Amino acid sequence: MLIRVRYENDTYDMLKAWRLQEYLDDGKVVAFLRSDGWAVVGRDPLRRSMGRGYPGPERRRIENNLHRAA
């Protein structure tokens, strides 16, 4: 999937979706086109890097049942 983007110098381009996060992190893109209109960096909520994850407490059930081989 290609996403329309705008750079700092007001030029436009099409990026592959998987490359958008890299360009956002590097500050290369100032806006990109969503289905509901333009998302502007610094004004609109944007997706974040996957590495940050959920900042709250862990609530998933953790089981330490190890099965031993017979």
N, C-alpha and C. Protein backbone atom coordinates (compact mmCIF):
# COMPACT_ATOMS: atom_id res chain seq x y z
N MET A 1 0.84 -1.17 0.00
CA MET A 1 0.00 0.00 0.00
C MET A 1 0.89 1.24 0.00
N LEU A 2 0.55 2.22 -0.79
CA LEU A 2 1.30 3.47 -0.85
C LEU A 2 0.54 4.57 -0.12
N ILE A 3 1.29 5.41 0.59
CA ILE A 3 0.71 6.51 1.36
C ILE A 3 1.28 7.82 0.85
N ARG A 4 0.41 8.77 0.60
CA ARG A 4 0.85 10.09 0.13
C ARG A 4 1.42 10.86 1.32
N VAL A 5 2.62 11.44 1.15
CA VAL A 5 3.29 12.19 2.22
C VAL A 5 3.72 13.56 1.71
N ARG A 6 3.90 14.48 2.67
CA ARG A 6 4.43 15.81 2.36
C ARG A 6 5.72 16.01 3.15
N TYR A 7 6.76 16.47 2.48
CA TYR A 7 8.04 16.74 3.12
C TYR A 7 8.12 18.20 3.57
N GLU A 8 9.19 18.53 4.32
CA GLU A 8 9.38 19.89 4.84
C GLU A 8 9.42 20.95 3.74
N ASN A 9 9.94 20.60 2.58
CA ASN A 9 10.07 21.58 1.48
C ASN A 9 8.81 21.65 0.61
N ASP A 10 7.69 21.17 1.16
CA ASP A 10 6.39 21.20 0.47
C ASP A 10 6.34 20.38 -0.82
N THR A 11 7.19 19.37 -0.93
CA THR A 11 7.07 18.43 -2.04
C THR A 11 6.30 17.21 -1.55
N TYR A 12 5.69 16.52 -2.48
CA TYR A 12 4.85 15.36 -2.15
C TYR A 12 5.45 14.11 -2.76
N ASP A 13 5.13 12.98 -2.14
CA ASP A 13 5.67 11.71 -2.60
C ASP A 13 4.71 10.61 -2.15
N MET A 14 4.96 9.41 -2.63
CA MET A 14 4.23 8.22 -2.20
C MET A 14 5.22 7.28 -1.53
N LEU A 15 4.92 6.85 -0.30
CA LEU A 15 5.78 5.92 0.43
C LEU A 15 5.06 4.61 0.65
N LYS A 16 5.81 3.55 0.70
CA LYS A 16 5.23 2.27 1.10
C LYS A 16 4.88 2.37 2.58
N ALA A 17 3.77 1.76 2.98
CA ALA A 17 3.27 1.88 4.34
C ALA A 17 4.30 1.46 5.38
N TRP A 18 5.07 0.42 5.11
CA TRP A 18 6.03 -0.06 6.09
C TRP A 18 7.19 0.90 6.29
N ARG A 19 7.39 1.85 5.38
CA ARG A 19 8.49 2.81 5.49
C ARG A 19 8.06 4.11 6.19
N LEU A 20 6.77 4.34 6.35
CA LEU A 20 6.27 5.59 6.92
C LEU A 20 6.84 5.84 8.31
N GLN A 21 6.84 4.85 9.19
CA GLN A 21 7.32 5.06 10.56
C GLN A 21 8.78 5.51 10.58
N GLU A 22 9.59 4.92 9.73
CA GLU A 22 11.01 5.31 9.63
C GLU A 22 11.14 6.79 9.26
N TYR A 23 10.37 7.23 8.29
CA TYR A 23 10.43 8.62 7.84
C TYR A 23 9.88 9.56 8.91
N LEU A 24 8.86 9.14 9.64
CA LEU A 24 8.34 9.95 10.75
C LEU A 24 9.39 10.09 11.84
N ASP A 25 10.03 8.99 12.21
CA ASP A 25 11.06 9.01 13.25
C ASP A 25 12.24 9.89 12.87
N ASP A 26 12.59 9.92 11.59
CA ASP A 26 13.72 10.72 11.11
C ASP A 26 13.35 12.18 10.85
N GLY A 27 12.07 12.52 11.00
CA GLY A 27 11.63 13.89 10.78
C GLY A 27 11.57 14.30 9.32
N LYS A 28 11.54 13.33 8.43
CA LYS A 28 11.52 13.62 7.00
C LYS A 28 10.13 14.00 6.50
N VAL A 29 9.10 13.51 7.16
CA VAL A 29 7.72 13.73 6.73
C VAL A 29 7.04 14.70 7.70
N VAL A 30 6.35 15.71 7.16
CA VAL A 30 5.62 16.65 8.02
C VAL A 30 4.12 16.38 8.02
N ALA A 31 3.63 15.60 7.05
CA ALA A 31 2.21 15.24 7.00
C ALA A 31 2.04 14.03 6.10
N PHE A 32 0.97 13.27 6.36
CA PHE A 32 0.64 12.16 5.48
C PHE A 32 -0.86 12.03 5.40
N LEU A 33 -1.33 11.46 4.29
CA LEU A 33 -2.75 11.39 4.01
C LEU A 33 -3.36 10.12 4.58
N ARG A 34 -4.35 10.31 5.45
CA ARG A 34 -5.13 9.20 6.00
C ARG A 34 -6.46 9.15 5.25
N SER A 35 -7.24 8.13 5.54
CA SER A 35 -8.55 8.02 4.88
C SER A 35 -9.47 9.17 5.26
N ASP A 36 -9.24 9.78 6.44
CA ASP A 36 -10.10 10.88 6.88
C ASP A 36 -9.45 12.26 6.70
N GLY A 37 -8.34 12.32 5.96
CA GLY A 37 -7.69 13.60 5.68
C GLY A 37 -6.22 13.59 6.06
N TRP A 38 -5.60 14.77 5.99
CA TRP A 38 -4.17 14.89 6.26
C TRP A 38 -3.89 14.86 7.76
N ALA A 39 -2.91 14.06 8.16
CA ALA A 39 -2.41 14.02 9.53
C ALA A 39 -1.12 14.83 9.55
N VAL A 40 -1.08 15.84 10.41
CA VAL A 40 0.08 16.73 10.47
C VAL A 40 0.91 16.38 11.71
N VAL A 41 2.21 16.18 11.50
CA VAL A 41 3.12 15.85 12.59
C VAL A 41 3.16 17.03 13.56
N GLY A 42 3.02 16.74 14.86
CA GLY A 42 3.03 17.78 15.87
C GLY A 42 1.66 18.35 16.18
N ARG A 43 0.67 18.05 15.36
CA ARG A 43 -0.69 18.53 15.60
C ARG A 43 -1.66 17.38 15.84
N ASP A 44 -1.57 16.36 15.03
CA ASP A 44 -2.49 15.23 15.10
C ASP A 44 -1.84 14.04 15.81
N PRO A 45 -2.67 13.21 16.46
CA PRO A 45 -2.10 12.00 17.07
C PRO A 45 -1.55 11.06 16.00
N LEU A 46 -0.35 10.55 16.24
CA LEU A 46 0.31 9.67 15.28
C LEU A 46 0.63 8.35 15.95
N ARG A 47 0.82 7.34 15.13
CA ARG A 47 1.24 6.06 15.68
C ARG A 47 2.66 6.19 16.21
N ARG A 48 2.99 5.34 17.15
CA ARG A 48 4.32 5.37 17.76
C ARG A 48 5.09 4.13 17.39
N SER A 49 6.38 4.16 17.67
CA SER A 49 7.23 3.00 17.41
C SER A 49 6.71 1.80 18.17
N MET A 50 6.82 0.64 17.57
CA MET A 50 6.31 -0.58 18.19
C MET A 50 7.07 -0.94 19.46
N GLY A 51 8.31 -0.53 19.61
CA GLY A 51 9.11 -0.90 20.76
C GLY A 51 8.66 -0.31 22.07
N ARG A 52 7.90 0.74 22.05
CA ARG A 52 7.50 1.41 23.29
C ARG A 52 6.48 0.61 24.07
N GLY A 53 5.54 0.02 23.39
CA GLY A 53 4.57 -0.85 24.04
C GLY A 53 3.65 -0.14 25.01
N TYR A 54 2.96 -0.94 25.77
CA TYR A 54 1.98 -0.46 26.74
C TYR A 54 2.70 -0.04 28.02
N PRO A 55 2.52 1.20 28.50
CA PRO A 55 3.25 1.67 29.68
C PRO A 55 2.63 1.27 31.02
N GLY A 56 1.45 0.69 31.01
CA GLY A 56 0.76 0.35 32.26
C GLY A 56 1.20 -0.96 32.86
N PRO A 57 0.54 -1.36 33.94
CA PRO A 57 0.91 -2.60 34.63
C PRO A 57 0.55 -3.83 33.80
N GLU A 58 1.30 -4.89 34.00
CA GLU A 58 1.04 -6.16 33.32
C GLU A 58 -0.18 -6.80 33.97
N ARG A 59 -1.21 -7.08 33.18
CA ARG A 59 -2.43 -7.68 33.73
C ARG A 59 -2.74 -9.04 33.12
N ARG A 60 -1.91 -9.48 32.22
CA ARG A 60 -2.16 -10.80 31.63
C ARG A 60 -1.79 -11.89 32.62
N ARG A 61 -2.50 -12.98 32.54
CA ARG A 61 -2.23 -14.10 33.43
C ARG A 61 -0.95 -14.80 32.99
N ILE A 62 -0.08 -15.02 33.93
CA ILE A 62 1.19 -15.68 33.64
C ILE A 62 1.19 -17.03 34.34
N GLU A 63 1.47 -18.07 33.61
CA GLU A 63 1.51 -19.41 34.18
C GLU A 63 2.92 -19.95 34.08
N ASN A 64 3.40 -20.50 35.17
CA ASN A 64 4.74 -21.07 35.19
C ASN A 64 4.68 -22.59 35.27
N ASN A 65 3.70 -23.18 34.66
CA ASN A 65 3.58 -24.64 34.66
C ASN A 65 4.49 -25.22 33.59
N LEU A 66 5.51 -25.90 34.04
CA LEU A 66 6.43 -26.54 33.11
C LEU A 66 6.10 -28.02 33.04
N HIS A 67 5.94 -28.51 31.85
CA HIS A 67 5.64 -29.93 31.67
C HIS A 67 6.94 -30.70 31.52
N ARG A 68 7.11 -31.71 32.34
CA ARG A 68 8.33 -32.50 32.29
C ARG A 68 8.12 -33.71 31.39
N ALA A 69 9.14 -34.03 30.64
CA ALA A 69 9.08 -35.20 29.77
C ALA A 69 9.12 -36.47 30.62
N ALA A 70 8.36 -37.48 30.24
CA ALA A 70 8.30 -38.73 31.01
C ALA A 70 9.47 -39.62 30.72
